[in-house]
């Protein structure tokens, strides 16, 4: 039963990584850019959720929705102001810009509110513990998993059943051909950033509820781990990002459970090294060599 408990904990953590990883993989699938500022959008979402709960007193679900809206707007602004002009630039220029945007968001946040951490209220979600087959499941875990599943199903619906989703898939497959077919590529890319950033904002609120403590530099490690999850699943693949995030969360939890908690973060990088050596395309990735 202890291992079942660890599995549930791992899936809870992995669902957070999966939500962040979806933003990485969607943006990469469209414009082949690794948006390293994505982890800081996640951080902004966590703070918006915190202020929603503690200052505006609007409850968990409204705070989650407000965080998603604000982060989606932030994602569009980042794309329009920082990345739009770099679509035909070298990869290194886009990468350096992404790192610069990340630092700008972090230290602007510190300038505005200071570097001190904050703590989510303990009553953000009604607290109750259920025992199922001898395993303790908290109400927080249930809400986190339910929210993640709903958002992932909603994303799948948007991508496969809506007009903007079809446009995103067309631009991802061939941007020039999509332009010739009358698709507004600029709006499609902005919509991709908006959706990915909204998911990161939701992940930030869920992270705050689960871990309690948040700070302006909190997006660095989860952001890197989510990138690893995206690579593990196959960068550019939405099912891959979901699977990679869940697997990474379970592996980290197992590493901690067997007594190597200090190696928990290192385990993610070991996985990255192994996947790059033995299966660079990831679990769901296509084995094609990209032209530089």
C-alpha atoms as a PDB file:
ATOM      1  CA  UNK A   1       0.000   0.000   0.000  1.00  0.00           C
ATOM      2  CA  UNK A   2       2.952   2.292   0.594  1.00  0.00           C
ATOM      3  CA  UNK A   3       3.931   2.016  -3.077  1.00  0.00           C
ATOM      4  CA  UNK A   4       0.371   2.854  -4.122  1.00  0.00           C
ATOM      5  CA  UNK A   5       0.605   5.955  -1.957  1.00  0.00           C
ATOM      6  CA  UNK A   6       3.896   6.919  -3.606  1.00  0.00           C
ATOM      7  CA  UNK A   7       2.369   6.337  -7.048  1.00  0.00           C
ATOM      8  CA  UNK A   8      -0.513   8.697  -6.263  1.00  0.00           C
ATOM      9  CA  UNK A   9       1.934  11.317  -4.940  1.00  0.00           C
ATOM     10  CA  UNK A  10       4.063  10.922  -8.072  1.00  0.00           C
ATOM     11  CA  UNK A  11       1.097  11.370 -10.390  1.00  0.00           C
ATOM     12  CA  UNK A  12       0.063  14.505  -8.465  1.00  0.00           C
ATOM     13  CA  UNK A  13       3.516  16.042  -8.892  1.00  0.00           C
ATOM     14  CA  UNK A  14       3.778  14.774 -12.456  1.00  0.00           C
ATOM     15  CA  UNK A  15       0.490  16.423 -13.401  1.00  0.00           C
ATOM     16  CA  UNK A  16       2.028  19.811 -12.537  1.00  0.00           C
ATOM     17  CA  UNK A  17       5.055  19.058 -14.722  1.00  0.00           C
ATOM     18  CA  UNK A  18       2.719  17.878 -17.487  1.00  0.00           C
ATOM     19  CA  UNK A  19       0.716  21.122 -17.510  1.00  0.00           C
ATOM     20  CA  UNK A  20       3.910  23.190 -17.793  1.00  0.00           C
ATOM     21  CA  UNK A  21       5.410  20.809 -20.371  1.00  0.00           C
ATOM     22  CA  UNK A  22       2.360  21.230 -22.605  1.00  0.00           C
ATOM     23  CA  UNK A  23       3.282  24.897 -23.087  1.00  0.00           C
ATOM     24  CA  UNK A  24       6.844  23.994 -24.064  1.00  0.00           C
ATOM     25  CA  UNK A  25       5.763  21.332 -26.524  1.00  0.00           C
ATOM     26  CA  UNK A  26       2.990  23.404 -28.139  1.00  0.00           C
ATOM     27  CA  UNK A  27       5.283  26.365 -28.816  1.00  0.00           C
ATOM     28  CA  UNK A  28       8.065  24.115 -30.083  1.00  0.00           C
ATOM     29  CA  UNK A  29       5.628  22.258 -32.312  1.00  0.00           C
ATOM     30  CA  UNK A  30       4.564  25.519 -33.967  1.00  0.00           C
ATOM     31  CA  UNK A  31       7.725  27.648 -34.276  1.00  0.00           C
ATOM     32  CA  UNK A  32      10.528  25.307 -33.080  1.00  0.00           C
ATOM     33  CA  UNK A  33      11.361  27.589 -30.136  1.00  0.00           C
ATOM     34  CA  UNK A  34      12.188  26.488 -26.589  1.00  0.00           C
ATOM     35  CA  UNK A  35      10.482  29.190 -24.535  1.00  0.00           C
ATOM     36  CA  UNK A  36      12.600  29.234 -21.380  1.00  0.00           C
ATOM     37  CA  UNK A  37      10.468  32.102 -20.023  1.00  0.00           C
ATOM     38  CA  UNK A  38       7.636  29.601 -19.671  1.00  0.00           C
ATOM     39  CA  UNK A  39       8.683  28.622 -16.136  1.00  0.00           C
ATOM     40  CA  UNK A  40       8.357  32.257 -15.087  1.00  0.00           C
ATOM     41  CA  UNK A  41       4.851  32.487 -16.536  1.00  0.00           C
ATOM     42  CA  UNK A  42       4.148  29.539 -14.223  1.00  0.00           C
ATOM     43  CA  UNK A  43       5.538  31.618 -11.336  1.00  0.00           C
ATOM     44  CA  UNK A  44       3.300  34.579 -12.217  1.00  0.00           C
ATOM     45  CA  UNK A  45       0.308  32.239 -12.227  1.00  0.00           C
ATOM     46  CA  UNK A  46       1.224  31.053  -8.725  1.00  0.00           C
ATOM     47  CA  UNK A  47       1.345  34.635  -7.416  1.00  0.00           C
ATOM     48  CA  UNK A  48      -1.907  35.634  -9.124  1.00  0.00           C
ATOM     49  CA  UNK A  49      -3.574  32.620  -7.501  1.00  0.00           C
ATOM     50  CA  UNK A  50      -2.070  33.571  -4.143  1.00  0.00           C
ATOM     51  CA  UNK A  51      -3.380  37.139  -4.322  1.00  0.00           C
ATOM     52  CA  UNK A  52      -6.745  35.843  -5.505  1.00  0.00           C
ATOM     53  CA  UNK A  53      -7.031  33.663  -2.414  1.00  0.00           C
ATOM     54  CA  UNK A  54      -5.537  35.985   0.206  1.00  0.00           C
ATOM     55  CA  UNK A  55      -6.225  39.556  -0.959  1.00  0.00           C
ATOM     56  CA  UNK A  56      -9.230  39.348  -3.272  1.00  0.00           C
ATOM     57  CA  UNK A  57     -10.857  36.406  -1.418  1.00  0.00           C
ATOM     58  CA  UNK A  58     -12.434  34.968  -4.555  1.00  0.00           C
ATOM     59  CA  UNK A  59     -11.903  31.247  -3.870  1.00  0.00           C
ATOM     60  CA  UNK A  60      -9.855  28.538  -5.563  1.00  0.00           C
ATOM     61  CA  UNK A  61     -11.683  28.118  -8.895  1.00  0.00           C
ATOM     62  CA  UNK A  62     -12.020  31.885  -9.629  1.00  0.00           C
ATOM     63  CA  UNK A  63      -8.347  32.370  -8.636  1.00  0.00           C
ATOM     64  CA  UNK A  64      -7.380  29.568 -11.012  1.00  0.00           C
ATOM     65  CA  UNK A  65      -9.359  31.142 -13.869  1.00  0.00           C
ATOM     66  CA  UNK A  66      -7.957  34.638 -13.224  1.00  0.00           C
ATOM     67  CA  UNK A  67      -4.412  33.229 -13.162  1.00  0.00           C
ATOM     68  CA  UNK A  68      -5.025  31.450 -16.485  1.00  0.00           C
ATOM     69  CA  UNK A  69      -6.402  34.630 -18.100  1.00  0.00           C
ATOM     70  CA  UNK A  70      -3.559  36.858 -16.882  1.00  0.00           C
ATOM     71  CA  UNK A  71      -0.918  34.300 -17.877  1.00  0.00           C
ATOM     72  CA  UNK A  72      -2.460  33.872 -21.327  1.00  0.00           C
ATOM     73  CA  UNK A  73      -2.268  37.646 -21.857  1.00  0.00           C
ATOM     74  CA  UNK A  74       1.335  37.622 -20.611  1.00  0.00           C
ATOM     75  CA  UNK A  75       2.159  34.780 -23.008  1.00  0.00           C
ATOM     76  CA  UNK A  76       0.783  36.728 -25.984  1.00  0.00           C
ATOM     77  CA  UNK A  77       2.727  39.849 -24.938  1.00  0.00           C
ATOM     78  CA  UNK A  78       5.950  37.841 -24.677  1.00  0.00           C
ATOM     79  CA  UNK A  79       5.399  36.367 -28.141  1.00  0.00           C
ATOM     80  CA  UNK A  80       4.497  39.676 -29.793  1.00  0.00           C
ATOM     81  CA  UNK A  81       7.207  41.792 -28.138  1.00  0.00           C
ATOM     82  CA  UNK A  82      10.126  39.359 -27.864  1.00  0.00           C
ATOM     83  CA  UNK A  83       9.772  36.417 -30.254  1.00  0.00           C
ATOM     84  CA  UNK A  84       7.792  37.621 -33.271  1.00  0.00           C
ATOM     85  CA  UNK A  85      10.743  39.480 -34.813  1.00  0.00           C
ATOM     86  CA  UNK A  86      13.023  36.469 -34.295  1.00  0.00           C
ATOM     87  CA  UNK A  87      11.121  33.853 -36.304  1.00  0.00           C
ATOM     88  CA  UNK A  88      13.696  33.957 -39.086  1.00  0.00           C
ATOM     89  CA  UNK A  89      16.666  34.580 -36.782  1.00  0.00           C
ATOM     90  CA  UNK A  90      19.245  32.004 -35.739  1.00  0.00           C
ATOM     91  CA  UNK A  91      18.372  29.495 -33.031  1.00  0.00           C
ATOM     92  CA  UNK A  92      20.973  30.931 -30.668  1.00  0.00           C
ATOM     93  CA  UNK A  93      19.434  34.427 -30.957  1.00  0.00           C
ATOM     94  CA  UNK A  94      15.988  33.070 -30.036  1.00  0.00           C
ATOM     95  CA  UNK A  95      17.456  31.034 -27.177  1.00  0.00           C
ATOM     96  CA  UNK A  96      19.319  34.012 -25.697  1.00  0.00           C
ATOM     97  CA  UNK A  97      16.182  36.138 -26.012  1.00  0.00           C
ATOM     98  CA  UNK A  98      14.139  33.489 -24.180  1.00  0.00           C
ATOM     99  CA  UNK A  99      16.663  33.447 -21.330  1.00  0.00           C
ATOM    100  CA  UNK A 100      16.634  37.256 -21.251  1.00  0.00           C
ATOM    101  CA  UNK A 101      12.820  37.353 -21.045  1.00  0.00           C
ATOM    102  CA  UNK A 102      12.974  34.810 -18.219  1.00  0.00           C
ATOM    103  CA  UNK A 103      15.366  36.961 -16.196  1.00  0.00           C
ATOM    104  CA  UNK A 104      13.334  40.087 -16.955  1.00  0.00           C
ATOM    105  CA  UNK A 105      10.144  38.536 -15.562  1.00  0.00           C
ATOM    106  CA  UNK A 106      11.914  37.188 -12.470  1.00  0.00           C
ATOM    107  CA  UNK A 107      13.645  40.394 -11.480  1.00  0.00           C
ATOM    108  CA  UNK A 108      10.741  42.656 -12.419  1.00  0.00           C
ATOM    109  CA  UNK A 109       8.662  40.597  -9.993  1.00  0.00           C
ATOM    110  CA  UNK A 110      11.348  40.980  -7.323  1.00  0.00           C
ATOM    111  CA  UNK A 111      11.536  44.749  -7.993  1.00  0.00           C
ATOM    112  CA  UNK A 112       7.766  45.160  -7.655  1.00  0.00           C
ATOM    113  CA  UNK A 113       7.065  42.977  -4.613  1.00  0.00           C
ATOM    114  CA  UNK A 114      10.444  41.988  -3.167  1.00  0.00           C
ATOM    115  CA  UNK A 115      12.122  38.586  -3.008  1.00  0.00           C
ATOM    116  CA  UNK A 116      10.420  37.285   0.128  1.00  0.00           C
ATOM    117  CA  UNK A 117       8.481  34.021  -0.261  1.00  0.00           C
ATOM    118  CA  UNK A 118       4.764  33.702   0.365  1.00  0.00           C
ATOM    119  CA  UNK A 119       2.658  30.815   1.643  1.00  0.00           C
ATOM    120  CA  UNK A 120      -0.673  29.700   0.240  1.00  0.00           C
ATOM    121  CA  UNK A 121      -3.427  29.550   2.887  1.00  0.00           C
ATOM    122  CA  UNK A 122      -3.984  26.086   4.312  1.00  0.00           C
ATOM    123  CA  UNK A 123      -7.722  26.368   3.658  1.00  0.00           C
ATOM    124  CA  UNK A 124      -7.338  27.162  -0.068  1.00  0.00           C
ATOM    125  CA  UNK A 125      -9.165  23.876  -0.696  1.00  0.00           C
ATOM    126  CA  UNK A 126     -11.348  22.110   1.841  1.00  0.00           C
ATOM    127  CA  UNK A 127      -9.078  19.685   3.659  1.00  0.00           C
ATOM    128  CA  UNK A 128     -10.210  16.132   4.131  1.00  0.00           C
ATOM    129  CA  UNK A 129      -8.472  12.761   4.000  1.00  0.00           C
ATOM    130  CA  UNK A 130      -9.995   9.673   2.436  1.00  0.00           C
ATOM    131  CA  UNK A 131      -8.775   6.108   2.885  1.00  0.00           C
ATOM    132  CA  UNK A 132      -9.031   3.944  -0.233  1.00  0.00           C
ATOM    133  CA  UNK A 133      -7.626   0.392  -0.108  1.00  0.00           C
ATOM    134  CA  UNK A 134      -5.496   1.433   2.853  1.00  0.00           C
ATOM    135  CA  UNK A 135      -4.081   4.427   0.982  1.00  0.00           C
ATOM    136  CA  UNK A 136      -4.510   7.975   2.277  1.00  0.00           C
ATOM    137  CA  UNK A 137      -5.768  10.377  -0.400  1.00  0.00           C
ATOM    138  CA  UNK A 138      -6.222  14.040   0.496  1.00  0.00           C
ATOM    139  CA  UNK A 139      -8.849  16.323  -0.981  1.00  0.00           C
ATOM    140  CA  UNK A 140      -6.022  18.494  -2.353  1.00  0.00           C
ATOM    141  CA  UNK A 141      -4.725  15.523  -4.363  1.00  0.00           C
ATOM    142  CA  UNK A 142      -8.198  14.806  -5.752  1.00  0.00           C
ATOM    143  CA  UNK A 143      -8.734  18.443  -6.772  1.00  0.00           C
ATOM    144  CA  UNK A 144      -5.277  18.636  -8.378  1.00  0.00           C
ATOM    145  CA  UNK A 145      -5.807  15.462 -10.410  1.00  0.00           C
ATOM    146  CA  UNK A 146      -9.357  16.434 -11.397  1.00  0.00           C
ATOM    147  CA  UNK A 147      -8.270  19.928 -12.486  1.00  0.00           C
ATOM    148  CA  UNK A 148      -5.358  18.540 -14.487  1.00  0.00           C
ATOM    149  CA  UNK A 149      -7.482  15.917 -16.249  1.00  0.00           C
ATOM    150  CA  UNK A 150     -10.176  18.498 -17.124  1.00  0.00           C
ATOM    151  CA  UNK A 151      -7.593  20.930 -18.543  1.00  0.00           C
ATOM    152  CA  UNK A 152      -5.863  18.218 -20.573  1.00  0.00           C
ATOM    153  CA  UNK A 153      -9.167  16.989 -22.014  1.00  0.00           C
ATOM    154  CA  UNK A 154     -10.101  20.586 -22.826  1.00  0.00           C
ATOM    155  CA  UNK A 155      -6.766  21.056 -24.599  1.00  0.00           C
ATOM    156  CA  UNK A 156      -7.309  17.895 -26.643  1.00  0.00           C
ATOM    157  CA  UNK A 157     -10.765  19.173 -27.612  1.00  0.00           C
ATOM    158  CA  UNK A 158      -9.371  22.572 -28.661  1.00  0.00           C
ATOM    159  CA  UNK A 159      -6.553  21.058 -30.728  1.00  0.00           C
ATOM    160  CA  UNK A 160      -8.626  18.406 -32.508  1.00  0.00           C
ATOM    161  CA  UNK A 161     -12.171  19.797 -32.677  1.00  0.00           C
ATOM    162  CA  UNK A 162     -11.944  23.585 -33.068  1.00  0.00           C
ATOM    163  CA  UNK A 163     -11.014  25.900 -35.909  1.00  0.00           C
ATOM    164  CA  UNK A 164      -8.034  27.374 -34.062  1.00  0.00           C
ATOM    165  CA  UNK A 165      -6.856  23.861 -33.223  1.00  0.00           C
ATOM    166  CA  UNK A 166      -6.939  22.876 -36.887  1.00  0.00           C
ATOM    167  CA  UNK A 167      -5.025  26.051 -37.726  1.00  0.00           C
ATOM    168  CA  UNK A 168      -2.412  25.208 -35.078  1.00  0.00           C
ATOM    169  CA  UNK A 169      -1.934  21.731 -36.515  1.00  0.00           C
ATOM    170  CA  UNK A 170      -1.678  23.141 -40.035  1.00  0.00           C
ATOM    171  CA  UNK A 171       0.932  25.749 -39.046  1.00  0.00           C
ATOM    172  CA  UNK A 172       2.871  23.094 -37.125  1.00  0.00           C
ATOM    173  CA  UNK A 173       2.924  20.834 -40.203  1.00  0.00           C
ATOM    174  CA  UNK A 174       3.865  23.505 -42.784  1.00  0.00           C
ATOM    175  CA  UNK A 175       3.777  27.223 -41.994  1.00  0.00           C
ATOM    176  CA  UNK A 176       4.191  28.396 -45.594  1.00  0.00           C
ATOM    177  CA  UNK A 177       1.454  26.113 -46.900  1.00  0.00           C
ATOM    178  CA  UNK A 178      -0.822  27.289 -44.072  1.00  0.00           C
ATOM    179  CA  UNK A 179      -0.289  30.904 -45.178  1.00  0.00           C
ATOM    180  CA  UNK A 180      -1.219  29.991 -48.747  1.00  0.00           C
ATOM    181  CA  UNK A 181      -4.418  28.371 -47.476  1.00  0.00           C
ATOM    182  CA  UNK A 182      -5.452  31.664 -45.853  1.00  0.00           C
ATOM    183  CA  UNK A 183      -4.582  30.833 -42.240  1.00  0.00           C
ATOM    184  CA  UNK A 184      -3.517  33.836 -40.153  1.00  0.00           C
ATOM    185  CA  UNK A 185      -0.203  32.476 -38.886  1.00  0.00           C
ATOM    186  CA  UNK A 186       0.470  35.381 -36.488  1.00  0.00           C
ATOM    187  CA  UNK A 187      -2.861  34.931 -34.702  1.00  0.00           C
ATOM    188  CA  UNK A 188      -2.397  31.165 -34.608  1.00  0.00           C
ATOM    189  CA  UNK A 189       1.031  31.469 -32.978  1.00  0.00           C
ATOM    190  CA  UNK A 190      -0.345  33.996 -30.465  1.00  0.00           C
ATOM    191  CA  UNK A 191      -3.204  31.607 -29.649  1.00  0.00           C
ATOM    192  CA  UNK A 192      -0.658  28.839 -29.062  1.00  0.00           C
ATOM    193  CA  UNK A 193       1.269  31.014 -26.614  1.00  0.00           C
ATOM    194  CA  UNK A 194      -1.992  32.041 -24.919  1.00  0.00           C
ATOM    195  CA  UNK A 195      -3.168  28.455 -24.411  1.00  0.00           C
ATOM    196  CA  UNK A 196       0.237  27.184 -23.271  1.00  0.00           C
ATOM    197  CA  UNK A 197       0.676  30.104 -20.862  1.00  0.00           C
ATOM    198  CA  UNK A 198      -2.840  29.603 -19.456  1.00  0.00           C
ATOM    199  CA  UNK A 199      -1.949  25.991 -18.645  1.00  0.00           C
ATOM    200  CA  UNK A 200       1.281  27.166 -16.980  1.00  0.00           C
ATOM    201  CA  UNK A 201      -0.731  29.641 -14.907  1.00  0.00           C
ATOM    202  CA  UNK A 202      -3.060  26.857 -13.798  1.00  0.00           C
ATOM    203  CA  UNK A 203      -0.037  24.731 -12.902  1.00  0.00           C
ATOM    204  CA  UNK A 204       1.297  27.613 -10.776  1.00  0.00           C
ATOM    205  CA  UNK A 205      -1.899  27.777  -8.711  1.00  0.00           C
ATOM    206  CA  UNK A 206      -1.980  23.983  -8.314  1.00  0.00           C
ATOM    207  CA  UNK A 207       1.704  24.033  -7.289  1.00  0.00           C
ATOM    208  CA  UNK A 208       0.967  26.665  -4.632  1.00  0.00           C
ATOM    209  CA  UNK A 209      -1.897  24.637  -3.201  1.00  0.00           C
ATOM    210  CA  UNK A 210       0.203  21.451  -3.157  1.00  0.00           C
ATOM    211  CA  UNK A 211       3.549  22.815  -1.906  1.00  0.00           C
ATOM    212  CA  UNK A 212       2.288  25.975  -0.106  1.00  0.00           C
ATOM    213  CA  UNK A 213       5.517  28.004  -0.506  1.00  0.00           C
ATOM    214  CA  UNK A 214       6.045  30.244  -3.555  1.00  0.00           C
ATOM    215  CA  UNK A 215       8.733  32.804  -4.431  1.00  0.00           C
ATOM    216  CA  UNK A 216       9.840  34.863  -7.479  1.00  0.00           C
ATOM    217  CA  UNK A 217      12.497  32.319  -8.503  1.00  0.00           C
ATOM    218  CA  UNK A 218      10.259  29.265  -8.080  1.00  0.00           C
ATOM    219  CA  UNK A 219       9.803  28.779 -11.825  1.00  0.00           C
ATOM    220  CA  UNK A 220      13.401  27.785 -12.533  1.00  0.00           C
ATOM    221  CA  UNK A 221      13.503  24.150 -11.359  1.00  0.00           C
ATOM    222  CA  UNK A 222       9.902  23.183 -12.279  1.00  0.00           C
ATOM    223  CA  UNK A 223      10.421  24.898 -15.640  1.00  0.00           C
ATOM    224  CA  UNK A 224      13.558  22.886 -16.356  1.00  0.00           C
ATOM    225  CA  UNK A 225      11.897  19.665 -15.194  1.00  0.00           C
ATOM    226  CA  UNK A 226       8.884  20.351 -17.395  1.00  0.00           C
ATOM    227  CA  UNK A 227      11.248  20.846 -20.334  1.00  0.00           C
ATOM    228  CA  UNK A 228      12.821  17.479 -19.508  1.00  0.00           C
ATOM    229  CA  UNK A 229       9.317  15.975 -19.378  1.00  0.00           C
ATOM    230  CA  UNK A 230       8.577  17.411 -22.823  1.00  0.00           C
ATOM    231  CA  UNK A 231      11.818  15.964 -24.220  1.00  0.00           C
ATOM    232  CA  UNK A 232      11.098  12.624 -22.528  1.00  0.00           C
ATOM    233  CA  UNK A 233       7.663  12.390 -24.119  1.00  0.00           C
ATOM    234  CA  UNK A 234       8.818  13.757 -27.464  1.00  0.00           C
ATOM    235  CA  UNK A 235       9.096  17.521 -27.869  1.00  0.00           C
ATOM    236  CA  UNK A 236       6.230  18.727 -30.050  1.00  0.00           C
ATOM    237  CA  UNK A 237       3.887  15.902 -28.989  1.00  0.00           C
ATOM    238  CA  UNK A 238       0.960  16.800 -26.705  1.00  0.00           C
ATOM    239  CA  UNK A 239       0.374  13.194 -25.511  1.00  0.00           C
ATOM    240  CA  UNK A 240       4.148  12.960 -25.053  1.00  0.00           C
ATOM    241  CA  UNK A 241       4.213  16.002 -22.764  1.00  0.00           C
ATOM    242  CA  UNK A 242       1.422  14.547 -20.642  1.00  0.00           C
ATOM    243  CA  UNK A 243       3.099  11.137 -20.415  1.00  0.00           C
ATOM    244  CA  UNK A 244       6.563  12.584 -19.815  1.00  0.00           C
ATOM    245  CA  UNK A 245       5.334  14.785 -16.976  1.00  0.00           C
ATOM    246  CA  UNK A 246       3.565  11.918 -15.230  1.00  0.00           C
ATOM    247  CA  UNK A 247       6.561   9.589 -15.636  1.00  0.00           C
ATOM    248  CA  UNK A 248       8.970  12.197 -14.309  1.00  0.00           C
ATOM    249  CA  UNK A 249       6.794  12.833 -11.244  1.00  0.00           C
ATOM    250  CA  UNK A 250       6.540   9.106 -10.478  1.00  0.00           C
ATOM    251  CA  UNK A 251      10.296   8.570 -10.916  1.00  0.00           C
ATOM    252  CA  UNK A 252      11.119  11.485  -8.592  1.00  0.00           C
ATOM    253  CA  UNK A 253       8.740  10.165  -5.939  1.00  0.00           C
ATOM    254  CA  UNK A 254      10.187   6.655  -6.148  1.00  0.00           C
ATOM    255  CA  UNK A 255      13.737   8.020  -5.847  1.00  0.00           C
ATOM    256  CA  UNK A 256      12.702   9.847  -2.673  1.00  0.00           C
ATOM    257  CA  UNK A 257      10.808   6.819  -1.326  1.00  0.00           C
ATOM    258  CA  UNK A 258      13.839   4.506  -1.561  1.00  0.00           C
ATOM    259  CA  UNK A 259      15.936   6.910   0.518  1.00  0.00           C
ATOM    260  CA  UNK A 260      17.673   9.092  -2.094  1.00  0.00           C
ATOM    261  CA  UNK A 261      15.674  12.288  -1.592  1.00  0.00           C
ATOM    262  CA  UNK A 262      18.791  14.441  -2.062  1.00  0.00           C
ATOM    263  CA  UNK A 263      19.096  12.956  -5.576  1.00  0.00           C
ATOM    264  CA  UNK A 264      15.513  13.767  -6.465  1.00  0.00           C
ATOM    265  CA  UNK A 265      16.327  16.727  -8.735  1.00  0.00           C
ATOM    266  CA  UNK A 266      19.357  14.950 -10.161  1.00  0.00           C
ATOM    267  CA  UNK A 267      17.134  12.057 -11.275  1.00  0.00           C
ATOM    268  CA  UNK A 268      15.408  14.352 -13.784  1.00  0.00           C
ATOM    269  CA  UNK A 269      18.737  15.261 -15.402  1.00  0.00           C
ATOM    270  CA  UNK A 270      19.847  11.628 -15.463  1.00  0.00           C
ATOM    271  CA  UNK A 271      16.636  10.841 -17.351  1.00  0.00           C
ATOM    272  CA  UNK A 272      17.380  13.687 -19.786  1.00  0.00           C
ATOM    273  CA  UNK A 273      20.890  12.374 -20.468  1.00  0.00           C
ATOM    274  CA  UNK A 274      19.640   8.821 -20.993  1.00  0.00           C
ATOM    275  CA  UNK A 275      16.796   9.849 -23.299  1.00  0.00           C
ATOM    276  CA  UNK A 276      19.149  11.993 -25.393  1.00  0.00           C
ATOM    277  CA  UNK A 277      21.602   9.106 -25.713  1.00  0.00           C
ATOM    278  CA  UNK A 278      19.217   6.218 -26.400  1.00  0.00           C
ATOM    279  CA  UNK A 279      16.051   7.822 -27.825  1.00  0.00           C
ATOM    280  CA  UNK A 280      16.598  11.486 -28.715  1.00  0.00           C
ATOM    281  CA  UNK A 281      13.149  11.791 -30.306  1.00  0.00           C
ATOM    282  CA  UNK A 282      11.444  10.860 -27.016  1.00  0.00           C
ATOM    283  CA  UNK A 283       8.689   8.329 -26.367  1.00  0.00           C
ATOM    284  CA  UNK A 284       6.197   9.726 -28.883  1.00  0.00           C
ATOM    285  CA  UNK A 285       8.643  11.650 -31.066  1.00  0.00           C
ATOM    286  CA  UNK A 286       9.344  10.957 -34.700  1.00  0.00           C
ATOM    287  CA  UNK A 287      12.787   9.685 -35.591  1.00  0.00           C
ATOM    288  CA  UNK A 288      13.621  12.446 -38.050  1.00  0.00           C
ATOM    289  CA  UNK A 289      16.764  14.521 -38.078  1.00  0.00           C
ATOM    290  CA  UNK A 290      16.056  18.228 -37.970  1.00  0.00           C
ATOM    291  CA  UNK A 291      17.935  20.531 -40.316  1.00  0.00           C
ATOM    292  CA  UNK A 292      19.936  23.269 -38.641  1.00  0.00           C
END
